[in-house]
Amino acid sequence: MRVETAMRRQLNGYRLTTAEILYRLPDHPDLLQSFIWQELDIAPRFPVLRDFLDFWERRIEGRLHSVRVASAGLIGPGEWRYTEHLRHIH
């Protein structure tokens, strides 16, 4: 079994995905509870999040009310550039 590192997943298009899940409490269906989920996932299909939400509906008693999703890439172009000059400070 090949273990895929977080860095390799990001290089393959995975982005940090955060979902705010609002669900109804089983004993008090008029109340909403918030759950924050965060994982590397592929936008815009979000297969990892969909698998989690399927698991939630099968195994957890709290009925889903709504899900808000935000996604951001962690690896981007470098914020520095090469220079041929060297300066010493101090």
PDB file of N, CA and C in Angstrom:
ATOM      1  N   MET A   1       0.846  -1.169   0.000  1.00  0.00           N
ATOM      2  CA  MET A   1       0.000   0.000   0.000  1.00  0.00           C
ATOM      3  C   MET A   1       0.898   1.241   0.000  1.00  0.00           C
ATOM      4  N   ARG A   2       0.624   2.160  -0.905  1.00  0.00           N
ATOM      5  CA  ARG A   2       1.415   3.381  -1.016  1.00  0.00           C
ATOM      6  C   ARG A   2       0.751   4.488  -0.213  1.00  0.00           C
ATOM      7  N   VAL A   3       1.518   5.066   0.674  1.00  0.00           N
ATOM      8  CA  VAL A   3       1.005   6.156   1.493  1.00  0.00           C
ATOM      9  C   VAL A   3       1.290   7.467   0.765  1.00  0.00           C
ATOM     10  N   GLU A   4       0.247   8.243   0.542  1.00  0.00           N
ATOM     11  CA  GLU A   4       0.407   9.511  -0.145  1.00  0.00           C
ATOM     12  C   GLU A   4       0.528  10.626   0.893  1.00  0.00           C
ATOM     13  N   THR A   5       1.616  11.382   0.813  1.00  0.00           N
ATOM     14  CA  THR A   5       1.832  12.449   1.778  1.00  0.00           C
ATOM     15  C   THR A   5       0.947  13.643   1.452  1.00  0.00           C
ATOM     16  N   ALA A   6       0.783  14.511   2.440  1.00  0.00           N
ATOM     17  CA  ALA A   6      -0.028  15.717   2.243  1.00  0.00           C
ATOM     18  C   ALA A   6       0.586  16.597   1.157  1.00  0.00           C
ATOM     19  N   MET A   7       1.909  16.666   1.105  1.00  0.00           N
ATOM     20  CA  MET A   7       2.566  17.482   0.091  1.00  0.00           C
ATOM     21  C   MET A   7       2.279  16.944  -1.303  1.00  0.00           C
ATOM     22  N   ARG A   8       2.384  15.649  -1.467  1.00  0.00           N
ATOM     23  CA  ARG A   8       2.117  15.038  -2.782  1.00  0.00           C
ATOM     24  C   ARG A   8       0.653  15.246  -3.187  1.00  0.00           C
ATOM     25  N   ARG A   9      -0.245  15.141  -2.221  1.00  0.00           N
ATOM     26  CA  ARG A   9      -1.660  15.369  -2.529  1.00  0.00           C
ATOM     27  C   ARG A   9      -1.880  16.797  -3.004  1.00  0.00           C
ATOM     28  N   GLN A  10      -1.225  17.766  -2.357  1.00  0.00           N
ATOM     29  CA  GLN A  10      -1.366  19.157  -2.766  1.00  0.00           C
ATOM     30  C   GLN A  10      -0.800  19.377  -4.160  1.00  0.00           C
ATOM     31  N   LEU A  11       0.297  18.720  -4.476  1.00  0.00           N
ATOM     32  CA  LEU A  11       0.868  18.830  -5.819  1.00  0.00           C
ATOM     33  C   LEU A  11      -0.043  18.199  -6.869  1.00  0.00           C
ATOM     34  N   ASN A  12      -0.890  17.273  -6.433  1.00  0.00           N
ATOM     35  CA  ASN A  12      -1.845  16.628  -7.343  1.00  0.00           C
ATOM     36  C   ASN A  12      -3.192  17.334  -7.390  1.00  0.00           C
ATOM     37  N   GLY A  13      -3.284  18.553  -6.864  1.00  0.00           N
ATOM     38  CA  GLY A  13      -4.512  19.335  -6.992  1.00  0.00           C
ATOM     39  C   GLY A  13      -5.392  19.405  -5.759  1.00  0.00           C
ATOM     40  N   TYR A  14      -5.012  18.755  -4.681  1.00  0.00           N
ATOM     41  CA  TYR A  14      -5.814  18.829  -3.461  1.00  0.00           C
ATOM     42  C   TYR A  14      -5.619  20.201  -2.823  1.00  0.00           C
ATOM     43  N   ARG A  15      -6.689  20.722  -2.235  1.00  0.00           N
ATOM     44  CA  ARG A  15      -6.662  22.025  -1.577  1.00  0.00           C
ATOM     45  C   ARG A  15      -7.212  21.870  -0.174  1.00  0.00           C
ATOM     46  N   LEU A  16      -6.798  22.758   0.718  1.00  0.00           N
ATOM     47  CA  LEU A  16      -7.335  22.728   2.076  1.00  0.00           C
ATOM     48  C   LEU A  16      -8.805  23.136   2.013  1.00  0.00           C
ATOM     49  N   THR A  17      -9.655  22.264   2.470  1.00  0.00           N
ATOM     50  CA  THR A  17     -11.102  22.490   2.412  1.00  0.00           C
ATOM     51  C   THR A  17     -11.654  22.509   3.830  1.00  0.00           C
ATOM     52  N   THR A  18     -12.423  23.536   4.119  1.00  0.00           N
ATOM     53  CA  THR A  18     -13.067  23.674   5.420  1.00  0.00           C
ATOM     54  C   THR A  18     -14.574  23.717   5.201  1.00  0.00           C
ATOM     55  N   ALA A  19     -15.296  22.928   5.973  1.00  0.00           N
ATOM     56  CA  ALA A  19     -16.753  22.909   5.869  1.00  0.00           C
ATOM     57  C   ALA A  19     -17.355  23.176   7.246  1.00  0.00           C
ATOM     58  N   GLU A  20     -18.300  24.114   7.276  1.00  0.00           N
ATOM     59  CA  GLU A  20     -19.078  24.337   8.485  1.00  0.00           C
ATOM     60  C   GLU A  20     -20.385  23.583   8.302  1.00  0.00           C
ATOM     61  N   ILE A  21     -20.577  22.595   9.140  1.00  0.00           N
ATOM     62  CA  ILE A  21     -21.758  21.727   9.036  1.00  0.00           C
ATOM     63  C   ILE A  21     -22.711  22.089  10.169  1.00  0.00           C
ATOM     64  N   LEU A  22     -23.921  22.495   9.802  1.00  0.00           N
ATOM     65  CA  LEU A  22     -24.961  22.735  10.801  1.00  0.00           C
ATOM     66  C   LEU A  22     -25.882  21.519  10.797  1.00  0.00           C
ATOM     67  N   TYR A  23     -26.150  21.016  11.979  1.00  0.00           N
ATOM     68  CA  TYR A  23     -27.017  19.839  12.084  1.00  0.00           C
ATOM     69  C   TYR A  23     -27.967  20.001  13.264  1.00  0.00           C
ATOM     70  N   ARG A  24     -29.050  19.247  13.208  1.00  0.00           N
ATOM     71  CA  ARG A  24     -30.063  19.295  14.264  1.00  0.00           C
ATOM     72  C   ARG A  24     -29.720  18.281  15.344  1.00  0.00           C
ATOM     73  N   LEU A  25     -29.864  18.705  16.581  1.00  0.00           N
ATOM     74  CA  LEU A  25     -29.635  17.797  17.698  1.00  0.00           C
ATOM     75  C   LEU A  25     -30.747  16.751  17.738  1.00  0.00           C
ATOM     76  N   PRO A  26     -30.398  15.481  17.926  1.00  0.00           N
ATOM     77  CA  PRO A  26     -31.429  14.428  17.926  1.00  0.00           C
ATOM     78  C   PRO A  26     -32.498  14.620  19.000  1.00  0.00           C
ATOM     79  N   ASP A  27     -32.100  15.030  20.197  1.00  0.00           N
ATOM     80  CA  ASP A  27     -33.056  15.186  21.298  1.00  0.00           C
ATOM     81  C   ASP A  27     -33.813  16.512  21.251  1.00  0.00           C
ATOM     82  N   HIS A  28     -33.261  17.508  20.552  1.00  0.00           N
ATOM     83  CA  HIS A  28     -33.856  18.836  20.461  1.00  0.00           C
ATOM     84  C   HIS A  28     -33.796  19.308  19.003  1.00  0.00           C
ATOM     85  N   PRO A  29     -34.692  18.818  18.156  1.00  0.00           N
ATOM     86  CA  PRO A  29     -34.610  19.101  16.722  1.00  0.00           C
ATOM     87  C   PRO A  29     -34.772  20.572  16.349  1.00  0.00           C
ATOM     88  N   ASP A  30     -35.224  21.411  17.269  1.00  0.00           N
ATOM     89  CA  ASP A  30     -35.339  22.839  16.974  1.00  0.00           C
ATOM     90  C   ASP A  30     -34.007  23.571  17.139  1.00  0.00           C
ATOM     91  N   LEU A  31     -33.017  22.915  17.749  1.00  0.00           N
ATOM     92  CA  LEU A  31     -31.709  23.532  17.959  1.00  0.00           C
ATOM     93  C   LEU A  31     -30.720  23.066  16.900  1.00  0.00           C
ATOM     94  N   LEU A  32     -29.855  23.991  16.485  1.00  0.00           N
ATOM     95  CA  LEU A  32     -28.802  23.659  15.533  1.00  0.00           C
ATOM     96  C   LEU A  32     -27.451  23.660  16.237  1.00  0.00           C
ATOM     97  N   GLN A  33     -26.622  22.713  15.882  1.00  0.00           N
ATOM     98  CA  GLN A  33     -25.265  22.619  16.407  1.00  0.00           C
ATOM     99  C   GLN A  33     -24.311  22.778  15.233  1.00  0.00           C
ATOM    100  N   SER A  34     -23.138  23.350  15.481  1.00  0.00           N
ATOM    101  CA  SER A  34     -22.152  23.579  14.429  1.00  0.00           C
ATOM    102  C   SER A  34     -20.987  22.604  14.588  1.00  0.00           C
ATOM    103  N   PHE A  35     -20.505  22.090  13.465  1.00  0.00           N
ATOM    104  CA  PHE A  35     -19.351  21.198  13.444  1.00  0.00           C
ATOM    105  C   PHE A  35     -18.429  21.682  12.326  1.00  0.00           C
ATOM    106  N   ILE A  36     -17.131  21.842  12.619  1.00  0.00           N
ATOM    107  CA  ILE A  36     -16.169  22.280  11.613  1.00  0.00           C
ATOM    108  C   ILE A  36     -15.357  21.070  11.171  1.00  0.00           C
ATOM    109  N   TRP A  37     -15.317  20.849   9.874  1.00  0.00           N
ATOM    110  CA  TRP A  37     -14.569  19.748   9.259  1.00  0.00           C
ATOM    111  C   TRP A  37     -13.492  20.350   8.373  1.00  0.00           C
ATOM    112  N   GLN A  38     -12.266  19.801   8.423  1.00  0.00           N
ATOM    113  CA  GLN A  38     -11.187  20.329   7.601  1.00  0.00           C
ATOM    114  C   GLN A  38     -10.314  19.178   7.116  1.00  0.00           C
ATOM    115  N   GLU A  39     -10.046  19.189   5.806  1.00  0.00           N
ATOM    116  CA  GLU A  39      -9.264  18.107   5.186  1.00  0.00           C
ATOM    117  C   GLU A  39      -8.787  18.584   3.824  1.00  0.00           C
ATOM    118  N   LEU A  40      -7.793  17.898   3.267  1.00  0.00           N
ATOM    119  CA  LEU A  40      -7.385  18.176   1.891  1.00  0.00           C
ATOM    120  C   LEU A  40      -8.376  17.496   0.956  1.00  0.00           C
ATOM    121  N   ASP A  41      -8.859  18.240  -0.030  1.00  0.00           N
ATOM    122  CA  ASP A  41      -9.883  17.722  -0.945  1.00  0.00           C
ATOM    123  C   ASP A  41      -9.719  18.395  -2.304  1.00  0.00           C
ATOM    124  N   ILE A  42     -10.387  17.863  -3.301  1.00  0.00           N
ATOM    125  CA  ILE A  42     -10.296  18.385  -4.665  1.00  0.00           C
ATOM    126  C   ILE A  42     -11.555  19.177  -4.987  1.00  0.00           C
ATOM    127  N   ALA A  43     -11.368  20.483  -5.254  1.00  0.00           N
ATOM    128  CA  ALA A  43     -12.495  21.338  -5.647  1.00  0.00           C
ATOM    129  C   ALA A  43     -12.711  21.192  -7.144  1.00  0.00           C
ATOM    130  N   PRO A  44     -13.889  21.321  -7.676  1.00  0.00           N
ATOM    131  CA  PRO A  44     -15.153  21.636  -7.014  1.00  0.00           C
ATOM    132  C   PRO A  44     -15.996  20.408  -6.680  1.00  0.00           C
ATOM    133  N   ARG A  45     -15.505  19.198  -6.973  1.00  0.00           N
ATOM    134  CA  ARG A  45     -16.313  17.995  -6.715  1.00  0.00           C
ATOM    135  C   ARG A  45     -16.318  17.599  -5.239  1.00  0.00           C
ATOM    136  N   PHE A  46     -15.224  17.851  -4.534  1.00  0.00           N
ATOM    137  CA  PHE A  46     -15.081  17.548  -3.108  1.00  0.00           C
ATOM    138  C   PHE A  46     -15.435  16.097  -2.765  1.00  0.00           C
ATOM    139  N   PRO A  47     -14.730  15.116  -3.346  1.00  0.00           N
ATOM    140  CA  PRO A  47     -15.066  13.709  -3.062  1.00  0.00           C
ATOM    141  C   PRO A  47     -14.839  13.302  -1.610  1.00  0.00           C
ATOM    142  N   VAL A  48     -13.825  13.844  -0.956  1.00  0.00           N
ATOM    143  CA  VAL A  48     -13.552  13.482   0.446  1.00  0.00           C
ATOM    144  C   VAL A  48     -14.673  14.008   1.340  1.00  0.00           C
ATOM    145  N   LEU A  49     -15.091  15.236   1.121  1.00  0.00           N
ATOM    146  CA  LEU A  49     -16.193  15.811   1.895  1.00  0.00           C
ATOM    147  C   LEU A  49     -17.486  15.047   1.636  1.00  0.00           C
ATOM    148  N   ARG A  50     -17.758  14.708   0.388  1.00  0.00           N
ATOM    149  CA  ARG A  50     -18.977  13.942   0.073  1.00  0.00           C
ATOM    150  C   ARG A  50     -18.981  12.588   0.782  1.00  0.00           C
ATOM    151  N   ASP A  51     -17.821  11.921   0.816  1.00  0.00           N
ATOM    152  CA  ASP A  51     -17.730  10.640   1.537  1.00  0.00           C
ATOM    153  C   ASP A  51     -18.027  10.841   3.027  1.00  0.00           C
ATOM    154  N   PHE A  52     -17.490  11.928   3.607  1.00  0.00           N
ATOM    155  CA  PHE A  52     -17.749  12.203   5.019  1.00  0.00           C
ATOM    156  C   PHE A  52     -19.231  12.477   5.261  1.00  0.00           C
ATOM    157  N   LEU A  53     -19.849  13.271   4.381  1.00  0.00           N
ATOM    158  CA  LEU A  53     -21.270  13.578   4.562  1.00  0.00           C
ATOM    159  C   LEU A  53     -22.139  12.342   4.375  1.00  0.00           C
ATOM    160  N   ASP A  54     -21.753  11.437   3.466  1.00  0.00           N
ATOM    161  CA  ASP A  54     -22.469  10.163   3.324  1.00  0.00           C
ATOM    162  C   ASP A  54     -22.352   9.336   4.604  1.00  0.00           C
ATOM    163  N   PHE A  55     -21.142   9.296   5.167  1.00  0.00           N
ATOM    164  CA  PHE A  55     -20.933   8.595   6.439  1.00  0.00           C
ATOM    165  C   PHE A  55     -21.813   9.209   7.522  1.00  0.00           C
ATOM    166  N   TRP A  56     -21.845  10.551   7.555  1.00  0.00           N
ATOM    167  CA  TRP A  56     -22.648  11.265   8.568  1.00  0.00           C
ATOM    168  C   TRP A  56     -24.113  10.834   8.476  1.00  0.00           C
ATOM    169  N   GLU A  57     -24.656  10.840   7.281  1.00  0.00           N
ATOM    170  CA  GLU A  57     -26.079  10.508   7.115  1.00  0.00           C
ATOM    171  C   GLU A  57     -26.377   9.058   7.465  1.00  0.00           C
ATOM    172  N   ARG A  58     -25.412   8.157   7.249  1.00  0.00           N
ATOM    173  CA  ARG A  58     -25.620   6.739   7.563  1.00  0.00           C
ATOM    174  C   ARG A  58     -25.452   6.441   9.050  1.00  0.00           C
ATOM    175  N   ARG A  59     -24.476   7.081   9.704  1.00  0.00           N
ATOM    176  CA  ARG A  59     -24.071   6.653  11.038  1.00  0.00           C
ATOM    177  C   ARG A  59     -24.386   7.617  12.182  1.00  0.00           C
ATOM    178  N   ILE A  60     -24.599   8.884  11.913  1.00  0.00           N
ATOM    179  CA  ILE A  60     -24.781   9.867  12.979  1.00  0.00           C
ATOM    180  C   ILE A  60     -26.238  10.288  13.023  1.00  0.00           C
ATOM    181  N   GLU A  61     -26.793  10.376  14.228  1.00  0.00           N
ATOM    182  CA  GLU A  61     -28.220  10.643  14.386  1.00  0.00           C
ATOM    183  C   GLU A  61     -28.615  12.072  14.051  1.00  0.00           C
ATOM    184  N   GLY A  62     -27.720  13.033  14.213  1.00  0.00           N
ATOM    185  CA  GLY A  62     -28.063  14.429  13.956  1.00  0.00           C
ATOM    186  C   GLY A  62     -28.299  14.683  12.470  1.00  0.00           C
ATOM    187  N   ARG A  63     -29.527  15.119  12.126  1.00  0.00           N
ATOM    188  CA  ARG A  63     -29.869  15.398  10.726  1.00  0.00           C
ATOM    189  C   ARG A  63     -29.149  16.641  10.229  1.00  0.00           C
ATOM    190  N   LEU A  64     -28.593  16.578   9.029  1.00  0.00           N
ATOM    191  CA  LEU A  64     -27.897  17.720   8.450  1.00  0.00           C
ATOM    192  C   LEU A  64     -28.881  18.837   8.121  1.00  0.00           C
ATOM    193  N   HIS A  65     -28.489  20.054   8.430  1.00  0.00           N
ATOM    194  CA  HIS A  65     -29.292  21.222   8.083  1.00  0.00           C
ATOM    195  C   HIS A  65     -28.679  21.937   6.887  1.00  0.00           C
ATOM    196  N   SER A  66     -27.366  22.256   6.979  1.00  0.00           N
ATOM    197  CA  SER A  66     -26.687  22.944   5.877  1.00  0.00           C
ATOM    198  C   SER A  66     -25.186  22.737   5.988  1.00  0.00           C
ATOM    199  N   VAL A  67     -24.501  22.951   4.865  1.00  0.00           N
ATOM    200  CA  VAL A  67     -23.044  22.820   4.808  1.00  0.00           C
ATOM    201  C   VAL A  67     -22.505  23.997   4.009  1.00  0.00           C
ATOM    202  N   ARG A  68     -21.574  24.747   4.619  1.00  0.00           N
ATOM    203  CA  ARG A  68     -20.886  25.832   3.918  1.00  0.00           C
ATOM    204  C   ARG A  68     -19.444  25.399   3.713  1.00  0.00           C
ATOM    205  N   VAL A  69     -18.928  25.586   2.487  1.00  0.00           N
ATOM    206  CA  VAL A  69     -17.611  25.087   2.136  1.00  0.00           C
ATOM    207  C   VAL A  69     -16.719  26.232   1.680  1.00  0.00           C
ATOM    208  N   ALA A  70     -15.468  26.200   2.134  1.00  0.00           N
ATOM    209  CA  ALA A  70     -14.433  27.127   1.662  1.00  0.00           C
ATOM    210  C   ALA A  70     -13.208  26.287   1.311  1.00  0.00           C
ATOM    211  N   SER A  71     -12.514  26.687   0.246  1.00  0.00           N
ATOM    212  CA  SER A  71     -11.366  25.914  -0.212  1.00  0.00           C
ATOM    213  C   SER A  71     -10.261  26.867  -0.647  1.00  0.00           C
ATOM    214  N   ALA A  72      -9.025  26.533  -0.290  1.00  0.00           N
ATOM    215  CA  ALA A  72      -7.890  27.386  -0.660  1.00  0.00           C
ATOM    216  C   ALA A  72      -6.662  26.526  -0.903  1.00  0.00           C
ATOM    217  N   GLY A  73      -5.924  26.863  -1.950  1.00  0.00           N
ATOM    218  CA  GLY A  73      -4.671  26.167  -2.238  1.00  0.00           C
ATOM    219  C   GLY A  73      -3.586  26.617  -1.279  1.00  0.00           C
ATOM    220  N   LEU A  74      -2.814  25.681  -0.757  1.00  0.00           N
ATOM    221  CA  LEU A  74      -1.740  26.023   0.167  1.00  0.00           C
ATOM    222  C   LEU A  74      -0.412  26.216  -0.553  1.00  0.00           C
ATOM    223  N   ILE A  75      -0.264  25.564  -1.684  1.00  0.00           N
ATOM    224  CA  ILE A  75       0.970  25.688  -2.448  1.00  0.00           C
ATOM    225  C   ILE A  75       0.712  26.636  -3.605  1.00  0.00           C
ATOM    226  N   GLY A  76       1.520  27.655  -3.708  1.00  0.00           N
ATOM    227  CA  GLY A  76       1.361  28.631  -4.779  1.00  0.00           C
ATOM    228  C   GLY A  76       2.721  29.080  -5.270  1.00  0.00           C
ATOM    229  N   PRO A  77       2.737  30.056  -6.137  1.00  0.00           N
ATOM    230  CA  PRO A  77       4.017  30.551  -6.626  1.00  0.00           C
ATOM    231  C   PRO A  77       4.840  31.118  -5.475  1.00  0.00           C
ATOM    232  N   GLY A  78       6.130  31.010  -5.616  1.00  0.00           N
ATOM    233  CA  GLY A  78       7.025  31.502  -4.573  1.00  0.00           C
ATOM    234  C   GLY A  78       6.856  32.991  -4.328  1.00  0.00           C
ATOM    235  N   GLU A  79       7.053  33.382  -3.104  1.00  0.00           N
ATOM    236  CA  GLU A  79       6.921  34.788  -2.747  1.00  0.00           C
ATOM    237  C   GLU A  79       8.276  35.463  -2.670  1.00  0.00           C
ATOM    238  N   TRP A  80       9.309  34.816  -3.140  1.00  0.00           N
ATOM    239  CA  TRP A  80      10.626  35.414  -3.191  1.00  0.00           C
ATOM    240  C   TRP A  80      11.211  35.105  -4.558  1.00  0.00           C
ATOM    241  N   ARG A  81      12.229  35.819  -4.905  1.00  0.00           N
ATOM    242  CA  ARG A  81      12.877  35.567  -6.186  1.00  0.00           C
ATOM    243  C   ARG A  81      14.380  35.598  -6.000  1.00  0.00           C
ATOM    244  N   TYR A  82      15.060  34.952  -6.891  1.00  0.00           N
ATOM    245  CA  TYR A  82      16.511  34.854  -6.844  1.00  0.00           C
ATOM    246  C   TYR A  82      17.139  36.199  -7.199  1.00  0.00           C
ATOM    247  N   THR A  83      18.205  36.559  -6.487  1.00  0.00           N
ATOM    248  CA  THR A  83      18.948  37.777  -6.792  1.00  0.00           C
ATOM    249  C   THR A  83      20.438  37.481  -6.707  1.00  0.00           C
ATOM    250  N   GLU A  84      21.197  38.210  -7.430  1.00  0.00           N
ATOM    251  CA  GLU A  84      22.642  37.995  -7.416  1.00  0.00           C
ATOM    252  C   GLU A  84      23.336  38.880  -6.390  1.00  0.00           C
ATOM    253  N   HIS A  85      22.632  39.699  -5.694  1.00  0.00           N
ATOM    254  CA  HIS A  85      23.205  40.615  -4.722  1.00  0.00           C
ATOM    255  C   HIS A  85      23.116  40.018  -3.319  1.00  0.00           C
ATOM    256  N   LEU A  86      24.123  40.278  -2.551  1.00  0.00           N
ATOM    257  CA  LEU A  86      24.161  39.779  -1.177  1.00  0.00           C
ATOM    258  C   LEU A  86      24.516  40.945  -0.273  1.00  0.00           C
ATOM    259  N   ARG A  87      23.751  41.162   0.745  1.00  0.00           N
ATOM    260  CA  ARG A  87      24.012  42.230   1.706  1.00  0.00           C
ATOM    261  C   ARG A  87      23.974  41.654   3.104  1.00  0.00           C
ATOM    262  N   HIS A  88      24.876  42.083   3.906  1.00  0.00           N
ATOM    263  CA  HIS A  88      24.909  41.669   5.299  1.00  0.00           C
ATOM    264  C   HIS A  88      24.376  42.774   6.168  1.00  0.00           C
ATOM    265  N   ILE A  89      23.504  42.447   7.055  1.00  0.00           N
ATOM    266  CA  ILE A  89      22.966  43.403   7.997  1.00  0.00           C
ATOM    267  C   ILE A  89      23.445  42.968   9.379  1.00  0.00           C
ATOM    268  N   HIS A  90      24.032  43.948  10.083  1.00  0.00           N
ATOM    269  CA  HIS A  90      24.512  43.730  11.445  1.00  0.00           C
ATOM    270  C   HIS A  90      25.948  43.306  11.430  1.00  0.00           C
TER     271      HIS A  90
END
